[in-house]
Amino acid sequence: METVNPLAVKKKLLLRVLQILCSPFLLLIDAFRPRPSRMIFSAFLWFMLGTFLLTATLYFWVEGQETQLERVLGGYFSDCEVAIPVSTEIEGIIKRNALMADVSPDLITAVIQVESGFDPLAYSPKGACGLMQITPLVWQAYNPDSSCNGRHRPGAVDHGADCIYNSDANITTGVQYLRKLIDHYDGEIGRALEAYNAGLTNVNLEEFRPKYRETRNYLQRIGTLLSADNPEHFWALYNAHCFGHALLQGLFIFTMVLWVILLIWGHRHLRKIR
């Protein structure tokens, strides 16, 4: 009876695993050889299967992280207690607009706190105005018939209720804009908040973290307000989500490269396989 050498089996298994891991490179070389290698092709198929399973696993993990993140940020209408003193008038405006836009009133409250500290006459060096720091371009886009162009400083012109500094008009415009950004990023509130702070064109989905340090601090402050009991958990959750999102995109691009290699190999050798 023939005895099995455990060391030889382990060595053979190790070589097979190494062949599978190197199969994309080996298959690309094999594409330019006169005769195709069935062993390399088989190893490449196993590599493709592993990549698919890894991508699927990562996708569901990222979805789970995103769900947890949206719960913290308020991905749906909720009415909870946030430790921010708000006047009855402003609270009523926030809740009305939150209900109409299906956005958490706590999220809007936190945005206002971080953006302006609830100062209706806040004016930034970049020209953002009011409670939700609306820019003139955003104001004009959502209030095309307004007599206020949003470019004046507080108190310079009095437009009454039809003014970028009017609390009701400012919050209404800010919530509508935030809702549009949430929809634009398919419900990813973290990305929507990045765009709200840094501008839509400055948010790059391929980056591991937000482009500007100011935006990272902005998100951290909002997360701290919304999860005052455990702000470290929020930031760890957000970083993990960003990393997973970037890694998932990288895997998608890598999978496209694998398909290109397979097409090159198939174009040259497919007819030779019996």
C-alpha atoms as a PDB file:
ATOM      1  CA  MET A   1       0.000   0.000   0.000  1.00  0.00           C
ATOM      2  CA  GLU A   2       1.399   3.348  -1.079  1.00  0.00           C
ATOM      3  CA  THR A   3       1.931   5.812   1.753  1.00  0.00           C
ATOM      4  CA  VAL A   4       1.024   9.465   1.380  1.00  0.00           C
ATOM      5  CA  ASN A   5       3.743  11.955   2.200  1.00  0.00           C
ATOM      6  CA  PRO A   6       2.072  14.827   4.136  1.00  0.00           C
ATOM      7  CA  LEU A   7       4.922  17.180   3.287  1.00  0.00           C
ATOM      8  CA  ALA A   8       4.538  16.482  -0.424  1.00  0.00           C
ATOM      9  CA  VAL A   9       0.778  17.048  -0.206  1.00  0.00           C
ATOM     10  CA  LYS A  10       1.276  20.373   1.564  1.00  0.00           C
ATOM     11  CA  LYS A  11       3.879  21.404  -0.991  1.00  0.00           C
ATOM     12  CA  LYS A  12       1.573  20.501  -3.861  1.00  0.00           C
ATOM     13  CA  LEU A  13      -1.311  22.384  -2.268  1.00  0.00           C
ATOM     14  CA  LEU A  14       0.877  25.433  -1.666  1.00  0.00           C
ATOM     15  CA  LEU A  15       2.020  25.442  -5.287  1.00  0.00           C
ATOM     16  CA  ARG A  16      -1.606  25.192  -6.444  1.00  0.00           C
ATOM     17  CA  VAL A  17      -2.636  28.118  -4.252  1.00  0.00           C
ATOM     18  CA  LEU A  18       0.318  30.140  -5.531  1.00  0.00           C
ATOM     19  CA  GLN A  19      -0.652  29.280  -9.102  1.00  0.00           C
ATOM     20  CA  ILE A  20      -4.224  30.462  -8.481  1.00  0.00           C
ATOM     21  CA  LEU A  21      -3.022  33.732  -6.950  1.00  0.00           C
ATOM     22  CA  CYS A  22      -0.671  34.377  -9.886  1.00  0.00           C
ATOM     23  CA  SER A  23      -3.140  33.113 -12.512  1.00  0.00           C
ATOM     24  CA  PRO A  24      -4.086  36.535 -13.987  1.00  0.00           C
ATOM     25  CA  PHE A  25      -0.438  37.230 -14.808  1.00  0.00           C
ATOM     26  CA  LEU A  26       0.143  33.629 -15.947  1.00  0.00           C
ATOM     27  CA  LEU A  27      -2.955  33.665 -18.171  1.00  0.00           C
ATOM     28  CA  LEU A  28      -1.826  36.890 -19.813  1.00  0.00           C
ATOM     29  CA  ILE A  29       1.516  35.241 -20.626  1.00  0.00           C
ATOM     30  CA  ASP A  30      -0.281  32.078 -21.727  1.00  0.00           C
ATOM     31  CA  ALA A  31      -2.311  34.107 -24.223  1.00  0.00           C
ATOM     32  CA  PHE A  32       0.858  34.597 -26.296  1.00  0.00           C
ATOM     33  CA  ARG A  33       2.014  30.985 -26.151  1.00  0.00           C
ATOM     34  CA  PRO A  34       1.405  28.596 -29.079  1.00  0.00           C
ATOM     35  CA  ARG A  35      -0.599  26.140 -26.982  1.00  0.00           C
ATOM     36  CA  PRO A  36      -2.912  27.089 -24.093  1.00  0.00           C
ATOM     37  CA  SER A  37      -2.493  25.601 -20.630  1.00  0.00           C
ATOM     38  CA  ARG A  38      -5.598  23.995 -19.185  1.00  0.00           C
ATOM     39  CA  MET A  39      -4.071  24.132 -15.694  1.00  0.00           C
ATOM     40  CA  ILE A  40      -3.515  27.880 -15.859  1.00  0.00           C
ATOM     41  CA  PHE A  41      -6.998  28.424 -17.281  1.00  0.00           C
ATOM     42  CA  SER A  42      -8.501  26.334 -14.476  1.00  0.00           C
ATOM     43  CA  ALA A  43      -6.529  28.293 -11.872  1.00  0.00           C
ATOM     44  CA  PHE A  44      -7.756  31.547 -13.380  1.00  0.00           C
ATOM     45  CA  LEU A  45     -11.389  30.408 -13.142  1.00  0.00           C
ATOM     46  CA  TRP A  46     -10.860  29.643  -9.456  1.00  0.00           C
ATOM     47  CA  PHE A  47      -9.314  33.090  -9.031  1.00  0.00           C
ATOM     48  CA  MET A  48     -12.329  34.707 -10.727  1.00  0.00           C
ATOM     49  CA  LEU A  49     -14.677  32.776  -8.438  1.00  0.00           C
ATOM     50  CA  GLY A  50     -12.735  33.902  -5.366  1.00  0.00           C
ATOM     51  CA  THR A  51     -12.788  37.515  -6.551  1.00  0.00           C
ATOM     52  CA  PHE A  52     -16.542  37.338  -7.123  1.00  0.00           C
ATOM     53  CA  LEU A  53     -17.178  35.896  -3.651  1.00  0.00           C
ATOM     54  CA  LEU A  54     -14.904  38.519  -2.065  1.00  0.00           C
ATOM     55  CA  THR A  55     -16.678  41.335  -3.920  1.00  0.00           C
ATOM     56  CA  ALA A  56     -20.110  40.014  -2.940  1.00  0.00           C
ATOM     57  CA  THR A  57     -19.068  39.674   0.708  1.00  0.00           C
ATOM     58  CA  LEU A  58     -17.599  43.174   0.755  1.00  0.00           C
ATOM     59  CA  TYR A  59     -20.698  44.595  -0.916  1.00  0.00           C
ATOM     60  CA  PHE A  60     -23.030  43.229   1.756  1.00  0.00           C
ATOM     61  CA  TRP A  61     -20.622  44.370   4.487  1.00  0.00           C
ATOM     62  CA  VAL A  62     -20.546  47.913   3.076  1.00  0.00           C
ATOM     63  CA  GLU A  63     -24.344  47.892   2.845  1.00  0.00           C
ATOM     64  CA  GLY A  64     -24.502  46.899   6.505  1.00  0.00           C
ATOM     65  CA  GLN A  65     -22.067  49.656   7.484  1.00  0.00           C
ATOM     66  CA  GLU A  66     -24.054  52.161   5.450  1.00  0.00           C
ATOM     67  CA  THR A  67     -27.284  51.106   7.156  1.00  0.00           C
ATOM     68  CA  GLN A  68     -25.714  51.643  10.580  1.00  0.00           C
ATOM     69  CA  LEU A  69     -24.324  55.003   9.468  1.00  0.00           C
ATOM     70  CA  GLU A  70     -27.696  56.157   8.158  1.00  0.00           C
ATOM     71  CA  ARG A  71     -29.291  55.209  11.460  1.00  0.00           C
ATOM     72  CA  VAL A  72     -26.857  57.488  13.287  1.00  0.00           C
ATOM     73  CA  LEU A  73     -27.207  60.347  10.795  1.00  0.00           C
ATOM     74  CA  GLY A  74     -30.958  59.915  10.416  1.00  0.00           C
ATOM     75  CA  GLY A  75     -31.596  58.275   7.054  1.00  0.00           C
ATOM     76  CA  TYR A  76     -35.331  58.457   7.564  1.00  0.00           C
ATOM     77  CA  PHE A  77     -37.732  60.767   9.379  1.00  0.00           C
ATOM     78  CA  SER A  78     -37.266  60.468  13.116  1.00  0.00           C
ATOM     79  CA  ASP A  79     -38.044  62.729  16.032  1.00  0.00           C
ATOM     80  CA  CYS A  80     -35.583  62.276  18.871  1.00  0.00           C
ATOM     81  CA  GLU A  81     -34.085  64.461  21.526  1.00  0.00           C
ATOM     82  CA  VAL A  82     -30.872  66.238  20.538  1.00  0.00           C
ATOM     83  CA  ALA A  83     -29.019  68.170  23.235  1.00  0.00           C
ATOM     84  CA  ILE A  84     -29.150  71.486  21.337  1.00  0.00           C
ATOM     85  CA  PRO A  85     -31.250  74.363  22.700  1.00  0.00           C
ATOM     86  CA  VAL A  86     -33.613  75.477  19.935  1.00  0.00           C
ATOM     87  CA  SER A  87     -36.316  78.117  20.103  1.00  0.00           C
ATOM     88  CA  THR A  88     -39.919  76.977  19.657  1.00  0.00           C
ATOM     89  CA  GLU A  89     -40.220  78.962  16.408  1.00  0.00           C
ATOM     90  CA  ILE A  90     -37.089  77.448  14.827  1.00  0.00           C
ATOM     91  CA  GLU A  91     -38.000  73.979  16.072  1.00  0.00           C
ATOM     92  CA  GLY A  92     -41.389  74.240  14.353  1.00  0.00           C
ATOM     93  CA  ILE A  93     -39.769  75.342  11.069  1.00  0.00           C
ATOM     94  CA  ILE A  94     -37.275  72.470  11.255  1.00  0.00           C
ATOM     95  CA  LYS A  95     -39.903  69.816  11.943  1.00  0.00           C
ATOM     96  CA  ARG A  96     -42.210  71.074   9.193  1.00  0.00           C
ATOM     97  CA  ASN A  97     -39.471  71.018   6.577  1.00  0.00           C
ATOM     98  CA  ALA A  98     -38.080  67.725   7.864  1.00  0.00           C
ATOM     99  CA  LEU A  99     -41.467  66.081   7.492  1.00  0.00           C
ATOM    100  CA  MET A 100     -41.982  67.461   3.980  1.00  0.00           C
ATOM    101  CA  ALA A 101     -38.499  66.384   2.804  1.00  0.00           C
ATOM    102  CA  ASP A 102     -38.417  63.090   4.740  1.00  0.00           C
ATOM    103  CA  VAL A 103     -35.206  64.069   6.502  1.00  0.00           C
ATOM    104  CA  SER A 104     -34.485  63.607  10.179  1.00  0.00           C
ATOM    105  CA  PRO A 105     -35.150  66.861  12.097  1.00  0.00           C
ATOM    106  CA  ASP A 106     -32.189  65.951  14.315  1.00  0.00           C
ATOM    107  CA  LEU A 107     -29.930  65.958  11.247  1.00  0.00           C
ATOM    108  CA  ILE A 108     -31.178  69.407  10.212  1.00  0.00           C
ATOM    109  CA  THR A 109     -30.732  70.689  13.767  1.00  0.00           C
ATOM    110  CA  ALA A 110     -27.155  69.380  13.863  1.00  0.00           C
ATOM    111  CA  VAL A 111     -26.358  70.908  10.455  1.00  0.00           C
ATOM    112  CA  ILE A 112     -27.631  74.317  11.580  1.00  0.00           C
ATOM    113  CA  GLN A 113     -25.671  74.088  14.821  1.00  0.00           C
ATOM    114  CA  VAL A 114     -22.424  73.280  12.989  1.00  0.00           C
ATOM    115  CA  GLU A 115     -23.019  75.660  10.073  1.00  0.00           C
ATOM    116  CA  SER A 116     -24.075  78.796  11.929  1.00  0.00           C
ATOM    117  CA  GLY A 117     -24.514  78.095  15.638  1.00  0.00           C
ATOM    118  CA  PHE A 118     -28.179  79.128  15.132  1.00  0.00           C
ATOM    119  CA  ASP A 119     -27.206  82.660  14.187  1.00  0.00           C
ATOM    120  CA  PRO A 120     -29.717  83.775  11.497  1.00  0.00           C
ATOM    121  CA  LEU A 121     -27.382  86.620  10.466  1.00  0.00           C
ATOM    122  CA  ALA A 122     -24.301  84.432  10.032  1.00  0.00           C
ATOM    123  CA  TYR A 123     -22.166  85.353   7.027  1.00  0.00           C
ATOM    124  CA  SER A 124     -19.110  83.384   5.941  1.00  0.00           C
ATOM    125  CA  PRO A 125     -16.047  84.705   4.070  1.00  0.00           C
ATOM    126  CA  LYS A 126     -17.177  82.595   1.102  1.00  0.00           C
ATOM    127  CA  GLY A 127     -20.543  84.367   0.983  1.00  0.00           C
ATOM    128  CA  ALA A 128     -22.719  81.679   2.615  1.00  0.00           C
ATOM    129  CA  CYS A 129     -25.639  83.197   4.504  1.00  0.00           C
ATOM    130  CA  GLY A 130     -28.018  82.514   7.355  1.00  0.00           C
ATOM    131  CA  LEU A 131     -28.818  79.563   9.573  1.00  0.00           C
ATOM    132  CA  MET A 132     -27.970  76.850   7.043  1.00  0.00           C
ATOM    133  CA  GLN A 133     -25.242  78.885   5.322  1.00  0.00           C
ATOM    134  CA  ILE A 134     -26.927  79.026   1.922  1.00  0.00           C
ATOM    135  CA  THR A 135     -24.787  80.261  -0.969  1.00  0.00           C
ATOM    136  CA  PRO A 136     -26.263  82.784  -3.420  1.00  0.00           C
ATOM    137  CA  LEU A 137     -26.239  80.203  -6.232  1.00  0.00           C
ATOM    138  CA  VAL A 138     -28.226  77.698  -4.168  1.00  0.00           C
ATOM    139  CA  TRP A 139     -30.633  80.416  -3.046  1.00  0.00           C
ATOM    140  CA  GLN A 140     -31.290  81.556  -6.613  1.00  0.00           C
ATOM    141  CA  ALA A 141     -31.703  77.964  -7.821  1.00  0.00           C
ATOM    142  CA  TYR A 142     -34.456  77.232  -5.286  1.00  0.00           C
ATOM    143  CA  ASN A 143     -35.958  80.733  -5.215  1.00  0.00           C
ATOM    144  CA  PRO A 144     -35.829  81.903  -8.857  1.00  0.00           C
ATOM    145  CA  ASP A 145     -38.597  84.485  -8.379  1.00  0.00           C
ATOM    146  CA  SER A 146     -37.150  86.000  -5.203  1.00  0.00           C
ATOM    147  CA  SER A 147     -36.365  89.709  -5.121  1.00  0.00           C
ATOM    148  CA  CYS A 148     -33.332  88.804  -3.005  1.00  0.00           C
ATOM    149  CA  ASN A 149     -30.278  87.623  -4.918  1.00  0.00           C
ATOM    150  CA  GLY A 150     -28.587  86.330  -1.760  1.00  0.00           C
ATOM    151  CA  ARG A 151     -25.440  88.386  -2.312  1.00  0.00           C
ATOM    152  CA  HIS A 152     -25.904  91.087   0.299  1.00  0.00           C
ATOM    153  CA  ARG A 153     -24.603  91.156   3.851  1.00  0.00           C
ATOM    154  CA  PRO A 154     -26.906  90.970   6.885  1.00  0.00           C
ATOM    155  CA  GLY A 155     -28.960  94.139   7.328  1.00  0.00           C
ATOM    156  CA  ALA A 156     -27.760  95.747   4.089  1.00  0.00           C
ATOM    157  CA  VAL A 157     -31.140  95.181   2.378  1.00  0.00           C
ATOM    158  CA  ASP A 158     -34.503  94.326   3.892  1.00  0.00           C
ATOM    159  CA  HIS A 159     -36.483  91.831   1.788  1.00  0.00           C
ATOM    160  CA  GLY A 160     -38.710  90.739   4.649  1.00  0.00           C
ATOM    161  CA  ALA A 161     -39.816  87.092   4.464  1.00  0.00           C
ATOM    162  CA  ASP A 162     -38.402  86.848   0.932  1.00  0.00           C
ATOM    163  CA  CYS A 163     -34.760  87.038   2.012  1.00  0.00           C
ATOM    164  CA  ILE A 164     -31.881  84.614   2.310  1.00  0.00           C
ATOM    165  CA  TYR A 165     -31.511  85.625   5.978  1.00  0.00           C
ATOM    166  CA  ASN A 166     -35.144  84.916   6.825  1.00  0.00           C
ATOM    167  CA  SER A 167     -35.106  81.883   9.097  1.00  0.00           C
ATOM    168  CA  ASP A 168     -38.060  80.138   7.471  1.00  0.00           C
ATOM    169  CA  ALA A 169     -36.883  80.746   3.889  1.00  0.00           C
ATOM    170  CA  ASN A 170     -33.289  79.850   4.723  1.00  0.00           C
ATOM    171  CA  ILE A 171     -34.147  76.549   6.411  1.00  0.00           C
ATOM    172  CA  THR A 172     -36.642  75.623   3.682  1.00  0.00           C
ATOM    173  CA  THR A 173     -34.017  76.203   0.995  1.00  0.00           C
ATOM    174  CA  GLY A 174     -31.294  74.398   2.945  1.00  0.00           C
ATOM    175  CA  VAL A 175     -33.445  71.335   3.601  1.00  0.00           C
ATOM    176  CA  GLN A 176     -34.518  71.129  -0.049  1.00  0.00           C
ATOM    177  CA  TYR A 177     -30.883  71.318  -1.138  1.00  0.00           C
ATOM    178  CA  LEU A 178     -29.816  68.700   1.414  1.00  0.00           C
ATOM    179  CA  ARG A 179     -32.624  66.396   0.258  1.00  0.00           C
ATOM    180  CA  LYS A 180     -31.454  66.769  -3.350  1.00  0.00           C
ATOM    181  CA  LEU A 181     -27.899  65.865  -2.345  1.00  0.00           C
ATOM    182  CA  ILE A 182     -29.108  62.807  -0.418  1.00  0.00           C
ATOM    183  CA  ASP A 183     -31.019  61.647  -3.495  1.00  0.00           C
ATOM    184  CA  HIS A 184     -28.015  62.422  -5.721  1.00  0.00           C
ATOM    185  CA  TYR A 185     -25.843  60.088  -3.651  1.00  0.00           C
ATOM    186  CA  ASP A 186     -28.543  57.389  -3.497  1.00  0.00           C
ATOM    187  CA  GLY A 187     -29.263  57.916   0.184  1.00  0.00           C
ATOM    188  CA  GLU A 188     -25.652  58.177   1.382  1.00  0.00           C
ATOM    189  CA  ILE A 189     -26.088  60.960   3.904  1.00  0.00           C
ATOM    190  CA  GLY A 190     -22.384  61.088   4.698  1.00  0.00           C
ATOM    191  CA  ARG A 191     -21.562  61.952   1.079  1.00  0.00           C
ATOM    192  CA  ALA A 192     -24.466  64.387   0.947  1.00  0.00           C
ATOM    193  CA  LEU A 193     -23.115  66.219   3.989  1.00  0.00           C
ATOM    194  CA  GLU A 194     -19.661  66.344   2.397  1.00  0.00           C
ATOM    195  CA  ALA A 195     -21.168  67.965  -0.696  1.00  0.00           C
ATOM    196  CA  TYR A 196     -23.256  70.349   1.422  1.00  0.00           C
ATOM    197  CA  ASN A 197     -20.112  71.588   3.133  1.00  0.00           C
ATOM    198  CA  ALA A 198     -17.448  71.365   0.406  1.00  0.00           C
ATOM    199  CA  GLY A 199     -19.543  71.664  -2.762  1.00  0.00           C
ATOM    200  CA  LEU A 200     -20.885  68.989  -5.089  1.00  0.00           C
ATOM    201  CA  THR A 201     -17.951  69.132  -7.516  1.00  0.00           C
ATOM    202  CA  ASN A 202     -15.399  68.681  -4.730  1.00  0.00           C
ATOM    203  CA  VAL A 203     -16.737  65.344  -3.500  1.00  0.00           C
ATOM    204  CA  ASN A 204     -14.774  62.527  -5.103  1.00  0.00           C
ATOM    205  CA  LEU A 205     -16.329  59.098  -4.497  1.00  0.00           C
ATOM    206  CA  GLU A 206     -13.014  57.383  -5.151  1.00  0.00           C
ATOM    207  CA  GLU A 207     -11.250  59.019  -2.233  1.00  0.00           C
ATOM    208  CA  PHE A 208     -10.793  57.226   1.042  1.00  0.00           C
ATOM    209  CA  ARG A 209     -11.733  60.292   3.050  1.00  0.00           C
ATOM    210  CA  PRO A 210     -13.239  63.729   2.329  1.00  0.00           C
ATOM    211  CA  LYS A 211     -11.015  66.025   0.300  1.00  0.00           C
ATOM    212  CA  TYR A 212     -10.734  68.849   2.828  1.00  0.00           C
ATOM    213  CA  ARG A 213      -9.746  68.646   6.503  1.00  0.00           C
ATOM    214  CA  GLU A 214     -12.489  71.202   7.194  1.00  0.00           C
ATOM    215  CA  THR A 215     -15.056  68.777   5.753  1.00  0.00           C
ATOM    216  CA  ARG A 216     -13.755  65.889   7.865  1.00  0.00           C
ATOM    217  CA  ASN A 217     -14.057  68.057  10.978  1.00  0.00           C
ATOM    218  CA  TYR A 218     -17.523  69.133   9.846  1.00  0.00           C
ATOM    219  CA  LEU A 219     -18.711  65.528   9.575  1.00  0.00           C
ATOM    220  CA  GLN A 220     -17.146  64.650  12.904  1.00  0.00           C
ATOM    221  CA  ARG A 221     -18.940  67.534  14.637  1.00  0.00           C
ATOM    222  CA  ILE A 222     -22.306  66.537  13.158  1.00  0.00           C
ATOM    223  CA  GLY A 223     -21.735  62.903  14.086  1.00  0.00           C
ATOM    224  CA  THR A 224     -20.773  63.933  17.616  1.00  0.00           C
ATOM    225  CA  LEU A 225     -24.005  65.906  18.020  1.00  0.00           C
ATOM    226  CA  LEU A 226     -26.155  63.069  16.700  1.00  0.00           C
ATOM    227  CA  SER A 227     -24.397  60.364  18.704  1.00  0.00           C
ATOM    228  CA  ALA A 228     -23.366  62.265  21.797  1.00  0.00           C
ATOM    229  CA  ASP A 229     -23.293  59.050  23.837  1.00  0.00           C
ATOM    230  CA  ASN A 230     -20.616  57.451  21.623  1.00  0.00           C
ATOM    231  CA  PRO A 231     -18.993  59.831  19.088  1.00  0.00           C
ATOM    232  CA  GLU A 232     -15.932  57.572  18.666  1.00  0.00           C
ATOM    233  CA  HIS A 233     -18.209  54.819  17.358  1.00  0.00           C
ATOM    234  CA  PHE A 234     -19.646  57.159  14.737  1.00  0.00           C
ATOM    235  CA  TRP A 235     -16.252  58.238  13.429  1.00  0.00           C
ATOM    236  CA  ALA A 236     -14.957  54.643  13.345  1.00  0.00           C
ATOM    237  CA  LEU A 237     -18.122  53.618  11.519  1.00  0.00           C
ATOM    238  CA  TYR A 238     -17.787  56.419   8.979  1.00  0.00           C
ATOM    239  CA  ASN A 239     -14.119  55.689   8.283  1.00  0.00           C
ATOM    240  CA  ALA A 240     -14.862  51.974   7.881  1.00  0.00           C
ATOM    241  CA  HIS A 241     -17.669  52.787   5.459  1.00  0.00           C
ATOM    242  CA  CYS A 242     -15.454  55.089   3.366  1.00  0.00           C
ATOM    243  CA  PHE A 243     -12.676  52.508   3.273  1.00  0.00           C
ATOM    244  CA  GLY A 244     -15.078  49.725   2.285  1.00  0.00           C
ATOM    245  CA  HIS A 245     -16.631  51.892  -0.405  1.00  0.00           C
ATOM    246  CA  ALA A 246     -13.206  52.696  -1.896  1.00  0.00           C
ATOM    247  CA  LEU A 247     -12.119  49.058  -1.692  1.00  0.00           C
ATOM    248  CA  LEU A 248     -15.323  47.931  -3.404  1.00  0.00           C
ATOM    249  CA  GLN A 249     -14.673  50.330  -6.265  1.00  0.00           C
ATOM    250  CA  GLY A 250     -11.130  49.018  -6.530  1.00  0.00           C
ATOM    251  CA  LEU A 251     -12.387  45.440  -6.722  1.00  0.00           C
ATOM    252  CA  PHE A 252     -14.854  46.418  -9.437  1.00  0.00           C
ATOM    253  CA  ILE A 253     -12.053  47.918 -11.535  1.00  0.00           C
ATOM    254  CA  PHE A 254      -9.862  44.875 -10.854  1.00  0.00           C
ATOM    255  CA  THR A 255     -12.680  42.579 -12.011  1.00  0.00           C
ATOM    256  CA  MET A 256     -12.930  44.533 -15.255  1.00  0.00           C
ATOM    257  CA  VAL A 257      -9.177  44.005 -15.770  1.00  0.00           C
ATOM    258  CA  LEU A 258      -9.647  40.255 -15.199  1.00  0.00           C
ATOM    259  CA  TRP A 259     -12.361  40.130 -17.858  1.00  0.00           C
ATOM    260  CA  VAL A 260     -10.082  41.948 -20.304  1.00  0.00           C
ATOM    261  CA  ILE A 261      -7.329  39.375 -19.681  1.00  0.00           C
ATOM    262  CA  LEU A 262      -9.816  36.551 -20.199  1.00  0.00           C
ATOM    263  CA  LEU A 263     -11.065  38.088 -23.445  1.00  0.00           C
ATOM    264  CA  ILE A 264      -7.496  38.445 -24.740  1.00  0.00           C
ATOM    265  CA  TRP A 265      -6.727  34.835 -23.847  1.00  0.00           C
ATOM    266  CA  GLY A 266     -10.011  33.590 -25.303  1.00  0.00           C
ATOM    267  CA  HIS A 267      -9.538  35.490 -28.541  1.00  0.00           C
ATOM    268  CA  ARG A 268      -6.214  33.729 -29.149  1.00  0.00           C
ATOM    269  CA  HIS A 269      -6.846  30.239 -27.769  1.00  0.00           C
ATOM    270  CA  LEU A 270     -10.568  29.535 -27.497  1.00  0.00           C
ATOM    271  CA  ARG A 271     -10.683  27.558 -30.735  1.00  0.00           C
ATOM    272  CA  LYS A 272      -7.765  25.400 -29.618  1.00  0.00           C
ATOM    273  CA  ILE A 273      -9.580  24.057 -26.555  1.00  0.00           C
ATOM    274  CA  ARG A 274     -11.196  20.657 -27.245  1.00  0.00           C
END
